[in-house]
N, C-alpha and C. Protein backbone atom coordinates (compact mmCIF):
# COMPACT_ATOMS: atom_id res chain seq x y z
N MET A 1 -18.67 10.58 -34.08
CA MET A 1 -19.13 11.80 -34.63
C MET A 1 -20.14 12.44 -33.67
N GLN A 2 -19.97 13.73 -33.45
CA GLN A 2 -20.85 14.44 -32.52
C GLN A 2 -21.73 15.42 -33.27
N TYR A 3 -22.96 15.42 -32.89
CA TYR A 3 -23.91 16.39 -33.45
C TYR A 3 -24.33 17.32 -32.34
N SER A 4 -24.41 18.59 -32.68
CA SER A 4 -24.91 19.52 -31.67
C SER A 4 -26.21 20.12 -32.20
N ALA A 5 -27.13 20.24 -31.35
CA ALA A 5 -28.43 20.80 -31.72
C ALA A 5 -28.56 22.18 -31.09
N VAL A 6 -28.98 23.11 -31.91
CA VAL A 6 -29.19 24.47 -31.42
C VAL A 6 -30.69 24.72 -31.42
N PHE A 7 -31.17 25.08 -30.28
CA PHE A 7 -32.59 25.37 -30.15
C PHE A 7 -32.78 26.88 -30.22
N ILE A 8 -33.62 27.29 -31.15
CA ILE A 8 -33.87 28.71 -31.36
C ILE A 8 -35.26 29.02 -30.85
N ASP A 9 -35.31 30.02 -30.05
CA ASP A 9 -36.60 30.46 -29.52
C ASP A 9 -37.39 31.15 -30.64
N GLN A 10 -38.65 30.80 -30.79
CA GLN A 10 -39.48 31.36 -31.85
C GLN A 10 -39.68 32.87 -31.69
N ARG A 11 -39.66 33.34 -30.45
CA ARG A 11 -39.86 34.76 -30.22
C ARG A 11 -38.71 35.59 -30.78
N GLN A 12 -37.50 35.02 -30.82
CA GLN A 12 -36.37 35.75 -31.36
C GLN A 12 -36.45 35.88 -32.88
N LEU A 13 -37.11 34.96 -33.53
CA LEU A 13 -37.22 35.00 -34.98
C LEU A 13 -38.30 35.97 -35.46
N GLN A 14 -39.26 36.27 -34.62
CA GLN A 14 -40.33 37.16 -35.02
C GLN A 14 -39.82 38.59 -35.09
N GLN A 15 -40.23 39.29 -36.12
CA GLN A 15 -39.85 40.68 -36.26
C GLN A 15 -40.73 41.53 -35.36
N PRO A 16 -40.17 42.61 -34.88
CA PRO A 16 -41.01 43.50 -34.06
C PRO A 16 -42.12 44.10 -34.92
N PRO A 17 -43.22 44.43 -34.32
CA PRO A 17 -44.32 45.01 -35.10
C PRO A 17 -43.89 46.32 -35.75
N GLN A 18 -44.35 46.52 -36.97
CA GLN A 18 -44.00 47.73 -37.70
C GLN A 18 -44.73 48.92 -37.10
N HIS A 19 -44.00 50.03 -37.00
CA HIS A 19 -44.58 51.26 -36.48
C HIS A 19 -45.04 52.09 -37.67
N ASN A 20 -46.30 52.42 -37.71
CA ASN A 20 -46.86 53.14 -38.85
C ASN A 20 -46.80 54.65 -38.70
N GLY A 21 -45.95 55.15 -37.87
CA GLY A 21 -45.85 56.59 -37.67
C GLY A 21 -46.73 57.07 -36.53
N VAL A 22 -46.63 58.32 -36.27
CA VAL A 22 -47.41 58.92 -35.20
C VAL A 22 -48.76 59.36 -35.75
N ARG A 23 -49.81 58.92 -35.12
CA ARG A 23 -51.15 59.32 -35.52
C ARG A 23 -51.57 60.52 -34.68
N VAL A 24 -51.78 61.63 -35.33
CA VAL A 24 -52.18 62.84 -34.63
C VAL A 24 -53.61 63.15 -35.05
N LYS A 25 -54.46 63.29 -34.08
CA LYS A 25 -55.85 63.65 -34.35
C LYS A 25 -55.99 65.15 -34.14
N LEU A 26 -56.39 65.84 -35.19
CA LEU A 26 -56.58 67.28 -35.12
C LEU A 26 -58.06 67.60 -35.21
N ASN A 27 -58.48 68.57 -34.41
CA ASN A 27 -59.87 68.99 -34.53
C ASN A 27 -59.99 70.00 -35.67
N LYS A 28 -61.20 70.48 -35.92
CA LYS A 28 -61.45 71.33 -37.08
C LYS A 28 -60.66 72.64 -37.01
N LYS A 29 -60.59 73.24 -35.84
CA LYS A 29 -59.85 74.50 -35.69
C LYS A 29 -58.35 74.29 -35.94
N GLN A 30 -57.82 73.18 -35.42
CA GLN A 30 -56.40 72.90 -35.61
C GLN A 30 -56.08 72.65 -37.08
N LYS A 31 -56.96 71.93 -37.78
CA LYS A 31 -56.74 71.68 -39.21
C LYS A 31 -56.72 72.99 -39.98
N ARG A 32 -57.65 73.88 -39.65
CA ARG A 32 -57.69 75.18 -40.32
C ARG A 32 -56.43 75.98 -40.04
N THR A 33 -55.96 75.96 -38.80
CA THR A 33 -54.76 76.68 -38.44
C THR A 33 -53.53 76.14 -39.18
N VAL A 34 -53.41 74.83 -39.24
CA VAL A 34 -52.28 74.21 -39.93
C VAL A 34 -52.34 74.51 -41.43
N CYS A 35 -53.52 74.47 -42.01
CA CYS A 35 -53.66 74.78 -43.44
C CYS A 35 -53.27 76.23 -43.73
N ILE A 36 -53.70 77.15 -42.88
CA ILE A 36 -53.33 78.56 -43.06
C ILE A 36 -51.82 78.72 -42.92
N GLY A 37 -51.23 78.05 -41.94
CA GLY A 37 -49.78 78.11 -41.78
C GLY A 37 -49.04 77.57 -42.99
N LEU A 38 -49.52 76.47 -43.54
CA LEU A 38 -48.88 75.90 -44.73
C LEU A 38 -49.03 76.81 -45.94
N LEU A 39 -50.19 77.47 -46.06
CA LEU A 39 -50.38 78.42 -47.16
C LEU A 39 -49.43 79.61 -47.05
N ILE A 40 -49.23 80.10 -45.83
CA ILE A 40 -48.30 81.23 -45.63
C ILE A 40 -46.88 80.79 -45.96
N ILE A 41 -46.50 79.57 -45.56
CA ILE A 41 -45.16 79.06 -45.86
C ILE A 41 -44.98 78.89 -47.37
N ALA A 42 -46.00 78.37 -48.05
CA ALA A 42 -45.92 78.21 -49.51
C ALA A 42 -45.80 79.57 -50.20
N ALA A 43 -46.54 80.57 -49.70
CA ALA A 43 -46.46 81.91 -50.27
C ALA A 43 -45.06 82.51 -50.05
N ALA A 44 -44.48 82.27 -48.88
CA ALA A 44 -43.13 82.79 -48.61
C ALA A 44 -42.11 82.16 -49.55
N LEU A 45 -42.22 80.85 -49.78
CA LEU A 45 -41.30 80.18 -50.71
C LEU A 45 -41.51 80.67 -52.14
N LEU A 46 -42.76 80.92 -52.52
CA LEU A 46 -43.04 81.42 -53.86
C LEU A 46 -42.48 82.83 -54.05
N ILE A 47 -42.62 83.67 -53.06
CA ILE A 47 -42.07 85.02 -53.13
C ILE A 47 -40.55 84.96 -53.22
N TRP A 48 -39.92 84.06 -52.48
CA TRP A 48 -38.47 83.91 -52.54
C TRP A 48 -38.03 83.47 -53.94
N ILE A 49 -38.75 82.53 -54.53
CA ILE A 49 -38.39 82.05 -55.87
C ILE A 49 -38.58 83.16 -56.90
N VAL A 50 -39.69 83.90 -56.81
CA VAL A 50 -39.97 84.98 -57.77
C VAL A 50 -38.94 86.10 -57.64
N SER A 51 -38.48 86.36 -56.43
CA SER A 51 -37.52 87.46 -56.23
C SER A 51 -36.10 87.08 -56.63
N GLY A 52 -35.89 85.89 -57.11
CA GLY A 52 -34.57 85.55 -57.64
C GLY A 52 -33.97 84.28 -57.07
N GLY A 53 -34.51 83.77 -56.01
CA GLY A 53 -34.00 82.52 -55.43
C GLY A 53 -32.58 82.64 -54.91
N GLU A 54 -32.21 83.80 -54.41
CA GLU A 54 -30.87 83.99 -53.86
C GLU A 54 -30.72 83.27 -52.53
N ILE A 55 -29.51 82.80 -52.25
CA ILE A 55 -29.25 82.12 -50.98
C ILE A 55 -29.14 83.14 -49.86
N PHE A 56 -28.38 84.21 -50.08
CA PHE A 56 -28.19 85.24 -49.06
C PHE A 56 -28.93 86.51 -49.46
N THR A 57 -29.46 87.22 -48.48
CA THR A 57 -30.15 88.47 -48.73
C THR A 57 -29.16 89.54 -49.14
N LYS A 58 -29.52 90.33 -50.14
CA LYS A 58 -28.65 91.41 -50.62
C LYS A 58 -29.35 92.74 -50.39
N THR A 59 -28.58 93.74 -50.01
CA THR A 59 -29.13 95.09 -49.87
C THR A 59 -28.62 95.99 -50.99
N GLN A 60 -27.60 95.54 -51.71
CA GLN A 60 -27.08 96.28 -52.85
C GLN A 60 -26.77 95.30 -53.98
N VAL A 61 -26.94 95.77 -55.20
CA VAL A 61 -26.60 94.96 -56.36
C VAL A 61 -25.59 95.72 -57.21
N LEU A 62 -24.76 94.98 -57.91
CA LEU A 62 -23.73 95.56 -58.76
C LEU A 62 -24.30 95.69 -60.17
N ILE A 63 -24.29 96.93 -60.67
CA ILE A 63 -24.79 97.17 -62.03
C ILE A 63 -23.65 97.76 -62.87
N GLU A 64 -23.74 97.49 -64.16
CA GLU A 64 -22.71 98.01 -65.07
C GLU A 64 -23.27 99.22 -65.80
N LYS A 65 -22.52 100.33 -65.74
CA LYS A 65 -22.94 101.57 -66.40
C LYS A 65 -21.96 101.90 -67.52
N GLN A 66 -22.45 102.63 -68.49
CA GLN A 66 -21.65 103.02 -69.64
C GLN A 66 -21.36 104.52 -69.55
N ASP A 67 -20.09 104.87 -69.66
CA ASP A 67 -19.70 106.28 -69.70
C ASP A 67 -19.80 106.75 -71.15
N GLU A 68 -20.74 107.66 -71.41
CA GLU A 68 -20.98 108.08 -72.79
C GLU A 68 -19.88 109.00 -73.32
N LEU A 69 -19.21 109.70 -72.45
CA LEU A 69 -18.17 110.63 -72.89
C LEU A 69 -16.94 109.88 -73.39
N PHE A 70 -16.48 108.90 -72.63
CA PHE A 70 -15.27 108.17 -73.02
C PHE A 70 -15.57 106.81 -73.64
N GLY A 71 -16.82 106.33 -73.57
CA GLY A 71 -17.19 105.05 -74.16
C GLY A 71 -16.72 103.85 -73.36
N THR A 72 -16.45 104.04 -72.08
CA THR A 72 -16.01 102.92 -71.23
C THR A 72 -17.15 102.49 -70.33
N SER A 73 -17.01 101.33 -69.81
CA SER A 73 -18.02 100.84 -68.87
C SER A 73 -17.40 100.70 -67.50
N TYR A 74 -18.21 100.92 -66.49
CA TYR A 74 -17.75 100.79 -65.10
C TYR A 74 -18.89 100.18 -64.28
N LYS A 75 -18.52 99.65 -63.14
CA LYS A 75 -19.51 99.00 -62.27
C LYS A 75 -19.78 99.88 -61.06
N GLU A 76 -21.05 99.88 -60.66
CA GLU A 76 -21.47 100.72 -59.54
C GLU A 76 -22.47 99.95 -58.69
N TRP A 77 -22.46 100.17 -57.39
CA TRP A 77 -23.40 99.53 -56.48
C TRP A 77 -24.67 100.36 -56.40
N LYS A 78 -25.81 99.69 -56.50
CA LYS A 78 -27.11 100.35 -56.40
C LYS A 78 -27.85 99.74 -55.22
N ASP A 79 -28.46 100.59 -54.40
CA ASP A 79 -29.24 100.10 -53.27
C ASP A 79 -30.52 99.42 -53.77
N LYS A 80 -30.62 98.13 -53.51
CA LYS A 80 -31.79 97.37 -53.90
C LYS A 80 -31.86 96.15 -52.99
N PHE A 81 -33.05 95.87 -52.46
CA PHE A 81 -33.23 94.73 -51.57
C PHE A 81 -33.61 93.50 -52.39
N VAL A 82 -32.84 92.43 -52.21
CA VAL A 82 -33.13 91.15 -52.86
C VAL A 82 -33.29 90.12 -51.75
N LEU A 83 -34.50 89.57 -51.64
CA LEU A 83 -34.80 88.61 -50.58
C LEU A 83 -33.98 87.34 -50.76
N GLY A 84 -33.41 86.85 -49.66
CA GLY A 84 -32.62 85.63 -49.70
C GLY A 84 -33.27 84.52 -48.90
N LEU A 85 -32.68 83.34 -49.04
CA LEU A 85 -33.20 82.17 -48.34
C LEU A 85 -33.04 82.29 -46.83
N ASP A 86 -32.03 83.03 -46.38
CA ASP A 86 -31.81 83.18 -44.94
C ASP A 86 -32.99 83.87 -44.26
N TYR A 87 -33.47 84.96 -44.81
CA TYR A 87 -34.64 85.65 -44.25
C TYR A 87 -35.90 84.80 -44.42
N THR A 88 -36.00 84.12 -45.57
CA THR A 88 -37.18 83.30 -45.84
C THR A 88 -37.28 82.16 -44.84
N LEU A 89 -36.17 81.48 -44.57
CA LEU A 89 -36.20 80.37 -43.61
C LEU A 89 -36.47 80.87 -42.19
N GLY A 90 -35.96 82.05 -41.85
CA GLY A 90 -36.27 82.63 -40.55
C GLY A 90 -37.76 82.91 -40.41
N PHE A 91 -38.35 83.47 -41.46
CA PHE A 91 -39.79 83.74 -41.46
C PHE A 91 -40.58 82.44 -41.36
N ILE A 92 -40.16 81.42 -42.11
CA ILE A 92 -40.85 80.12 -42.07
C ILE A 92 -40.75 79.51 -40.67
N GLY A 93 -39.61 79.65 -40.01
CA GLY A 93 -39.46 79.15 -38.65
C GLY A 93 -40.39 79.83 -37.68
N ILE A 94 -40.52 81.15 -37.82
CA ILE A 94 -41.43 81.90 -36.94
C ILE A 94 -42.88 81.49 -37.18
N ILE A 95 -43.26 81.34 -38.45
CA ILE A 95 -44.63 80.93 -38.78
C ILE A 95 -44.91 79.52 -38.25
N THR A 96 -43.93 78.62 -38.37
CA THR A 96 -44.09 77.26 -37.84
C THR A 96 -44.28 77.28 -36.33
N LEU A 97 -43.50 78.08 -35.65
CA LEU A 97 -43.62 78.20 -34.19
C LEU A 97 -44.98 78.76 -33.79
N ILE A 98 -45.41 79.82 -34.46
CA ILE A 98 -46.70 80.42 -34.14
C ILE A 98 -47.84 79.45 -34.44
N THR A 99 -47.76 78.75 -35.57
CA THR A 99 -48.78 77.77 -35.92
C THR A 99 -48.85 76.64 -34.90
N GLY A 100 -47.70 76.17 -34.45
CA GLY A 100 -47.65 75.11 -33.44
C GLY A 100 -48.25 75.56 -32.11
N ILE A 101 -47.93 76.79 -31.71
CA ILE A 101 -48.46 77.30 -30.44
C ILE A 101 -49.98 77.46 -30.52
N ILE A 102 -50.46 78.04 -31.63
CA ILE A 102 -51.90 78.23 -31.78
C ILE A 102 -52.62 76.88 -31.83
N SER A 103 -52.05 75.91 -32.54
CA SER A 103 -52.67 74.58 -32.60
C SER A 103 -52.69 73.91 -31.23
N TRP A 104 -51.65 74.13 -30.45
CA TRP A 104 -51.60 73.55 -29.11
C TRP A 104 -52.66 74.19 -28.21
N ILE A 105 -52.87 75.49 -28.36
CA ILE A 105 -53.88 76.18 -27.57
C ILE A 105 -55.28 75.73 -27.96
N GLN A 106 -55.48 75.39 -29.24
CA GLN A 106 -56.80 75.01 -29.75
C GLN A 106 -57.14 73.54 -29.53
N ARG A 107 -56.30 72.80 -28.85
CA ARG A 107 -56.57 71.37 -28.68
C ARG A 107 -57.80 71.18 -27.80
N THR A 108 -58.50 70.09 -28.01
CA THR A 108 -59.67 69.76 -27.19
C THR A 108 -59.20 68.88 -26.04
N ARG A 109 -59.69 69.18 -24.90
CA ARG A 109 -59.29 68.42 -23.72
C ARG A 109 -60.37 67.39 -23.40
N LYS A 110 -59.95 66.15 -23.22
CA LYS A 110 -60.89 65.09 -22.84
C LYS A 110 -60.71 64.81 -21.36
N ASN A 111 -61.80 64.86 -20.63
CA ASN A 111 -61.74 64.61 -19.19
C ASN A 111 -62.16 63.22 -18.85
């Protein structure tokens, strides 16, 4: 009868150290800039929700009108702007970019 022994290196059994995420140190100006950017983004999302939460922006809406002479109803397009998620996300992207650039400019340099 033959026995085989397998030697396992202890280093292979150890798990790699856990990464706790990226630690970013922000100075006071950068924190203020990021907070203002987040407030503007929250306001944009709130305005989008209040305006109807539409996915696509509309420039006209379909309304139903009643013909009083014949008593029939018909549909007609009315010019009205309804904010959609497409414009809102574009605005949020621009605000994020501007906030990132301003925060990068406000960084403190250590010599």
